[in-house]
Amino acid sequence: MPSIWPTVIIVSMYLIVIIGGQRVMRNREPFQLNNAMMIYNFCLVVLNAYIFYEGSELADRLARNCWFFFFSKSIELMDTVFFMLRKKNTQITFLHLYHHSTMPLIWYIGVKYAPGGESYFSASINSGIHVLMYTYYLLAAMGPSMQKFLWWKRYMTVMQLMQFWGILFHTSYAIYTDCGYPNMYNWALIFYDFSHIALFSNFYYQTYTKKARAARAKREESNGRHDKQEEVSNGVHAKNGNTRLRSRRD
């Protein structure tokens, strides 16, 4: 980890490519990249499973594992490239760009100056969640036949939020017990973690809670119009029935 500048350049190029690429793709047909995505997602499932497995009390092994985690964050920038090439621009949110562009920078600092101790927990739990996430993406890339197995999408967001709360409590406990890990990094992780809790909570609310409420209100409104139409229709039928009855009497 001799210099942060290669990481800064990679992240800067990532943002330039994504922003410029969206403009280039504006008048183009989306690319069909299912085969490439299956290979990519499978590789990341394997890599994250390895990082999750490699959590260890041995200092050298733990430092090496933290480097692999840092390295994986640079690879995962390809997530956004695939979204851009497939014109899935609704997926390229502020949350998505914030998370992907800051993780390599944050973890460069972690691996450079404190590659071990408390840092193992957030790396391990995040890799475990990413095994599930990239498994989901792998199944989605296999085509419509796999849709019946993808009912758990919203629960991934729940698991991600649980991850951030777990990191928050674990890091707070590390500060409380003064476990020997530099508290400056612990506090930085807490503030960074809070930003993810806020952004992911907002994402969950906008994507699931708010849309569910809107759909329920729309159904209720539709049912109300249907009931009103039935009342009007029944009233017309009753009126016509009375008219025919008077006609017969006449």
Protein backbone atom coordinates (compact mmCIF):
# COMPACT_ATOMS: atom_id res chain seq x y z
CA MET A 1 0.00 0.00 0.00
CA PRO A 2 2.66 2.58 -0.99
CA SER A 3 0.37 5.42 -2.09
CA ILE A 4 -3.30 6.35 -2.06
CA TRP A 5 -3.08 8.00 -5.48
CA PRO A 6 -3.73 4.86 -7.58
CA THR A 7 -6.93 4.34 -5.58
CA VAL A 8 -7.92 8.00 -5.98
CA ILE A 9 -7.32 7.75 -9.75
CA ILE A 10 -9.37 4.54 -10.02
CA VAL A 11 -12.31 6.08 -8.14
CA SER A 12 -12.09 9.32 -10.16
CA MET A 13 -12.03 7.40 -13.45
CA TYR A 14 -14.95 5.32 -12.22
CA LEU A 15 -17.11 8.41 -11.68
CA ILE A 16 -16.05 9.95 -15.00
CA VAL A 17 -16.80 6.75 -16.92
CA ILE A 18 -20.21 6.30 -15.29
CA ILE A 19 -21.36 9.91 -15.73
CA GLY A 20 -19.99 10.16 -19.27
CA GLY A 21 -21.16 6.65 -20.16
CA GLN A 22 -24.75 7.43 -19.24
CA ARG A 23 -24.68 10.31 -21.72
CA VAL A 24 -23.14 8.13 -24.43
CA MET A 25 -25.72 5.39 -23.84
CA ARG A 26 -28.64 7.81 -23.91
CA ASN A 27 -29.38 7.23 -27.62
CA ARG A 28 -28.04 3.69 -27.86
CA GLU A 29 -29.61 0.30 -27.33
CA PRO A 30 -28.71 -1.40 -24.04
CA PHE A 31 -26.12 -4.16 -24.16
CA GLN A 32 -27.13 -7.75 -23.40
CA LEU A 33 -24.45 -8.89 -20.97
CA ASN A 34 -26.02 -11.87 -19.23
CA ASN A 35 -23.12 -14.26 -19.84
CA ALA A 36 -20.51 -11.74 -18.71
CA MET A 37 -22.60 -10.91 -15.65
CA MET A 38 -22.96 -14.57 -14.67
CA ILE A 39 -19.17 -15.02 -14.76
CA TYR A 40 -18.61 -11.74 -12.89
CA ASN A 41 -21.17 -12.46 -10.17
CA PHE A 42 -19.96 -16.03 -9.70
CA CYS A 43 -16.37 -14.80 -9.25
CA LEU A 44 -17.49 -12.27 -6.64
CA VAL A 45 -19.48 -14.92 -4.77
CA VAL A 46 -16.29 -17.00 -4.55
CA LEU A 47 -14.07 -14.04 -3.60
CA ASN A 48 -16.42 -12.81 -0.86
CA ALA A 49 -16.87 -16.33 0.47
CA TYR A 50 -13.08 -16.62 0.72
CA ILE A 51 -12.79 -13.29 2.57
CA PHE A 52 -15.59 -14.30 4.95
CA TYR A 53 -13.89 -17.65 5.61
CA GLU A 54 -10.43 -16.17 6.12
CA GLY A 55 -11.30 -14.18 9.25
CA SER A 56 -8.57 -15.17 11.70
CA GLU A 57 -6.85 -14.21 14.92
CA LEU A 58 -3.43 -14.48 13.22
CA ALA A 59 -2.15 -10.94 12.59
CA ASP A 60 -0.46 -11.55 9.22
CA ARG A 61 -3.36 -13.59 7.89
CA LEU A 62 -5.88 -10.98 9.05
CA ALA A 63 -3.91 -8.12 7.44
CA ARG A 64 -3.73 -10.10 4.19
CA ASN A 65 -7.48 -10.70 4.33
CA CYS A 66 -8.14 -6.99 4.85
CA TRP A 67 -6.12 -6.32 1.70
CA PHE A 68 -8.27 -8.80 -0.25
CA PHE A 69 -11.36 -6.99 1.04
CA PHE A 70 -9.92 -3.65 -0.10
CA PHE A 71 -9.11 -5.21 -3.48
CA SER A 72 -12.67 -6.55 -3.82
CA LYS A 73 -14.07 -3.02 -3.42
CA SER A 74 -12.20 -1.95 -6.57
CA ILE A 75 -13.54 -4.93 -8.51
CA GLU A 76 -17.09 -4.18 -7.38
CA LEU A 77 -16.97 -0.85 -9.22
CA MET A 78 -17.91 -2.97 -12.24
CA ASP A 79 -21.42 -3.27 -10.75
CA THR A 80 -22.13 0.26 -11.90
CA VAL A 81 -20.50 -0.26 -15.29
CA PHE A 82 -22.89 -3.14 -15.96
CA PHE A 83 -25.85 -0.97 -14.90
CA MET A 84 -24.65 1.82 -17.21
CA LEU A 85 -24.12 -0.45 -20.25
CA ARG A 86 -27.52 -2.10 -19.73
CA LYS A 87 -29.17 1.33 -19.25
CA LYS A 88 -30.41 0.41 -15.79
CA ASN A 89 -30.02 4.02 -14.73
CA THR A 90 -32.59 3.79 -11.95
CA GLN A 91 -30.08 1.58 -10.16
CA ILE A 92 -27.36 4.25 -10.32
CA THR A 93 -28.56 6.28 -7.35
CA PHE A 94 -26.69 8.63 -5.05
CA LEU A 95 -26.55 5.80 -2.50
CA HIS A 96 -25.01 3.45 -5.05
CA LEU A 97 -22.34 5.93 -6.19
CA TYR A 98 -21.59 7.08 -2.64
CA HIS A 99 -21.11 3.53 -1.39
CA HIS A 100 -18.98 2.31 -4.31
CA SER A 101 -16.76 5.39 -4.58
CA THR A 102 -16.02 5.76 -0.85
CA MET A 103 -15.39 2.12 0.10
CA PRO A 104 -12.04 1.79 -1.76
CA LEU A 105 -10.80 5.06 -0.24
CA ILE A 106 -11.94 4.20 3.30
CA TRP A 107 -10.43 0.74 3.10
CA TYR A 108 -7.15 2.00 1.67
CA ILE A 109 -6.73 3.99 4.89
CA GLY A 110 -7.77 0.99 6.99
CA VAL A 111 -5.37 -1.43 5.31
CA LYS A 112 -2.53 1.10 5.22
CA TYR A 113 -2.65 2.12 8.87
CA ALA A 114 -4.72 -0.42 10.86
CA PRO A 115 -5.01 -3.73 8.97
CA GLY A 116 -6.29 -5.96 11.72
CA GLY A 117 -8.03 -6.01 15.08
CA GLU A 118 -11.45 -4.42 15.00
CA SER A 119 -11.39 -4.03 11.20
CA TYR A 120 -11.97 -7.77 10.75
CA PHE A 121 -15.62 -7.56 11.85
CA SER A 122 -16.95 -5.09 9.25
CA ALA A 123 -14.95 -6.81 6.48
CA SER A 124 -16.21 -10.28 7.44
CA ILE A 125 -19.87 -9.37 7.88
CA ASN A 126 -19.90 -7.29 4.69
CA SER A 127 -18.37 -10.15 2.71
CA GLY A 128 -20.97 -12.54 4.12
CA ILE A 129 -23.79 -10.22 2.99
CA HIS A 130 -22.14 -9.87 -0.43
CA VAL A 131 -22.08 -13.64 -0.90
CA LEU A 132 -25.90 -13.51 -0.71
CA MET A 133 -26.15 -10.35 -2.82
CA TYR A 134 -24.01 -11.60 -5.69
CA THR A 135 -25.80 -14.95 -5.55
CA TYR A 136 -29.02 -12.99 -6.12
CA TYR A 137 -27.45 -11.13 -9.06
CA LEU A 138 -26.11 -14.40 -10.46
CA LEU A 139 -29.59 -15.96 -10.41
CA ALA A 140 -31.12 -12.80 -11.94
CA ALA A 141 -28.58 -12.91 -14.80
CA MET A 142 -29.68 -16.45 -15.66
CA GLY A 143 -32.94 -15.14 -17.10
CA PRO A 144 -36.71 -15.14 -16.50
CA SER A 145 -36.78 -18.81 -15.51
CA MET A 146 -35.06 -17.89 -12.23
CA GLN A 147 -37.51 -15.13 -11.25
CA LYS A 148 -39.47 -17.48 -8.99
CA PHE A 149 -36.35 -17.83 -6.83
CA LEU A 150 -35.83 -14.07 -6.44
CA TRP A 151 -38.64 -13.27 -4.01
CA TRP A 152 -36.15 -12.24 -1.29
CA LYS A 153 -34.86 -9.02 -2.87
CA ARG A 154 -36.29 -6.71 -0.21
CA TYR A 155 -34.81 -8.87 2.54
CA MET A 156 -31.33 -8.17 1.19
CA THR A 157 -31.84 -4.53 2.13
CA VAL A 158 -33.03 -5.64 5.57
CA MET A 159 -29.89 -7.77 5.97
CA GLN A 160 -27.72 -4.85 4.87
CA LEU A 161 -29.33 -2.62 7.49
CA MET A 162 -28.85 -5.32 10.14
CA GLN A 163 -25.20 -5.45 9.06
CA PHE A 164 -24.73 -1.72 9.62
CA TRP A 165 -26.43 -1.83 13.02
CA GLY A 166 -24.26 -4.81 13.96
CA ILE A 167 -21.11 -2.92 12.96
CA LEU A 168 -22.30 0.11 14.95
CA PHE A 169 -22.85 -1.85 18.16
CA HIS A 170 -19.67 -3.90 17.74
CA THR A 171 -17.52 -0.81 17.13
CA SER A 172 -19.16 1.05 20.02
CA TYR A 173 -18.34 -1.89 22.28
CA ALA A 174 -14.72 -1.83 21.05
CA ILE A 175 -14.51 1.84 22.07
CA TYR A 176 -16.11 1.09 25.44
CA THR A 177 -13.73 -1.76 26.26
CA ASP A 178 -10.69 0.05 24.80
CA CYS A 179 -9.58 -3.14 23.07
CA GLY A 180 -6.35 -1.62 21.75
CA TYR A 181 -7.58 -0.75 18.25
CA PRO A 182 -7.07 3.00 17.56
CA ASN A 183 -10.28 4.76 18.60
CA MET A 184 -9.78 7.41 15.91
CA TYR A 185 -10.55 4.72 13.32
CA ASN A 186 -13.41 3.35 15.41
CA TRP A 187 -15.08 6.77 15.57
CA ALA A 188 -14.53 7.32 11.84
CA LEU A 189 -16.17 3.97 11.15
CA ILE A 190 -19.15 4.87 13.35
CA PHE A 191 -19.78 8.15 11.49
CA TYR A 192 -19.37 6.39 8.14
CA ASP A 193 -21.69 3.62 9.32
CA PHE A 194 -24.36 6.15 10.33
CA SER A 195 -24.33 7.58 6.79
CA HIS A 196 -25.09 4.12 5.41
CA ILE A 197 -27.84 3.49 7.95
CA ALA A 198 -29.52 6.77 6.93
CA LEU A 199 -29.15 6.19 3.17
CA PHE A 200 -30.20 2.52 3.22
CA SER A 201 -33.16 3.30 5.51
CA ASN A 202 -34.31 5.98 3.07
CA PHE A 203 -33.85 3.53 0.18
CA TYR A 204 -35.97 0.91 1.95
CA TYR A 205 -38.68 3.46 2.73
CA GLN A 206 -38.81 4.85 -0.82
CA THR A 207 -38.59 1.45 -2.53
CA TYR A 208 -40.83 -0.69 -0.37
CA THR A 209 -42.79 1.18 2.32
CA LYS A 210 -43.81 4.23 0.28
CA LYS A 211 -44.60 2.23 -2.87
CA ALA A 212 -46.64 -0.27 -0.86
CA ARG A 213 -48.67 2.56 0.68
CA ALA A 214 -49.22 4.16 -2.72
CA ALA A 215 -50.34 0.83 -4.20
CA ARG A 216 -52.71 0.23 -1.27
CA ALA A 217 -54.19 3.74 -1.61
CA LYS A 218 -54.65 3.17 -5.34
CA ARG A 219 -56.47 -0.11 -4.71
CA GLU A 220 -58.72 1.53 -2.13
CA GLU A 221 -59.47 4.39 -4.51
CA SER A 222 -60.20 1.92 -7.31
CA ASN A 223 -62.49 -0.11 -5.03
CA GLY A 224 -64.25 3.09 -3.99
CA ARG A 225 -64.91 4.04 -7.63
CA HIS A 226 -66.11 0.50 -8.33
CA ASP A 227 -68.54 0.61 -5.37
CA LYS A 228 -69.82 4.02 -6.45
CA GLN A 229 -70.37 2.79 -10.00
CA GLU A 230 -72.32 -0.18 -8.64
CA GLU A 231 -74.49 2.14 -6.54
CA VAL A 232 -75.19 4.35 -9.55
CA SER A 233 -75.85 1.29 -11.69
CA ASN A 234 -78.20 -0.20 -9.10
CA GLY A 235 -80.01 3.12 -8.84
CA VAL A 236 -80.51 3.24 -12.60
CA HIS A 237 -81.82 -0.33 -12.61
CA ALA A 238 -84.25 0.49 -9.80
CA LYS A 239 -85.47 3.58 -11.62
CA ASN A 240 -85.95 1.65 -14.84
CA GLY A 241 -87.83 -1.00 -12.90
CA ASN A 242 -90.22 1.59 -11.43
CA THR A 243 -90.72 3.14 -14.87
CA ARG A 244 -91.66 -0.22 -16.39
CA LEU A 245 -94.01 -0.89 -13.50
CA ARG A 246 -95.81 2.45 -14.01
CA SER A 247 -96.03 1.77 -17.74
CA ARG A 248 -97.72 -1.54 -17.12
CA ARG A 249 -100.25 0.06 -14.77
CA ASP A 250 -101.01 2.74 -17.35
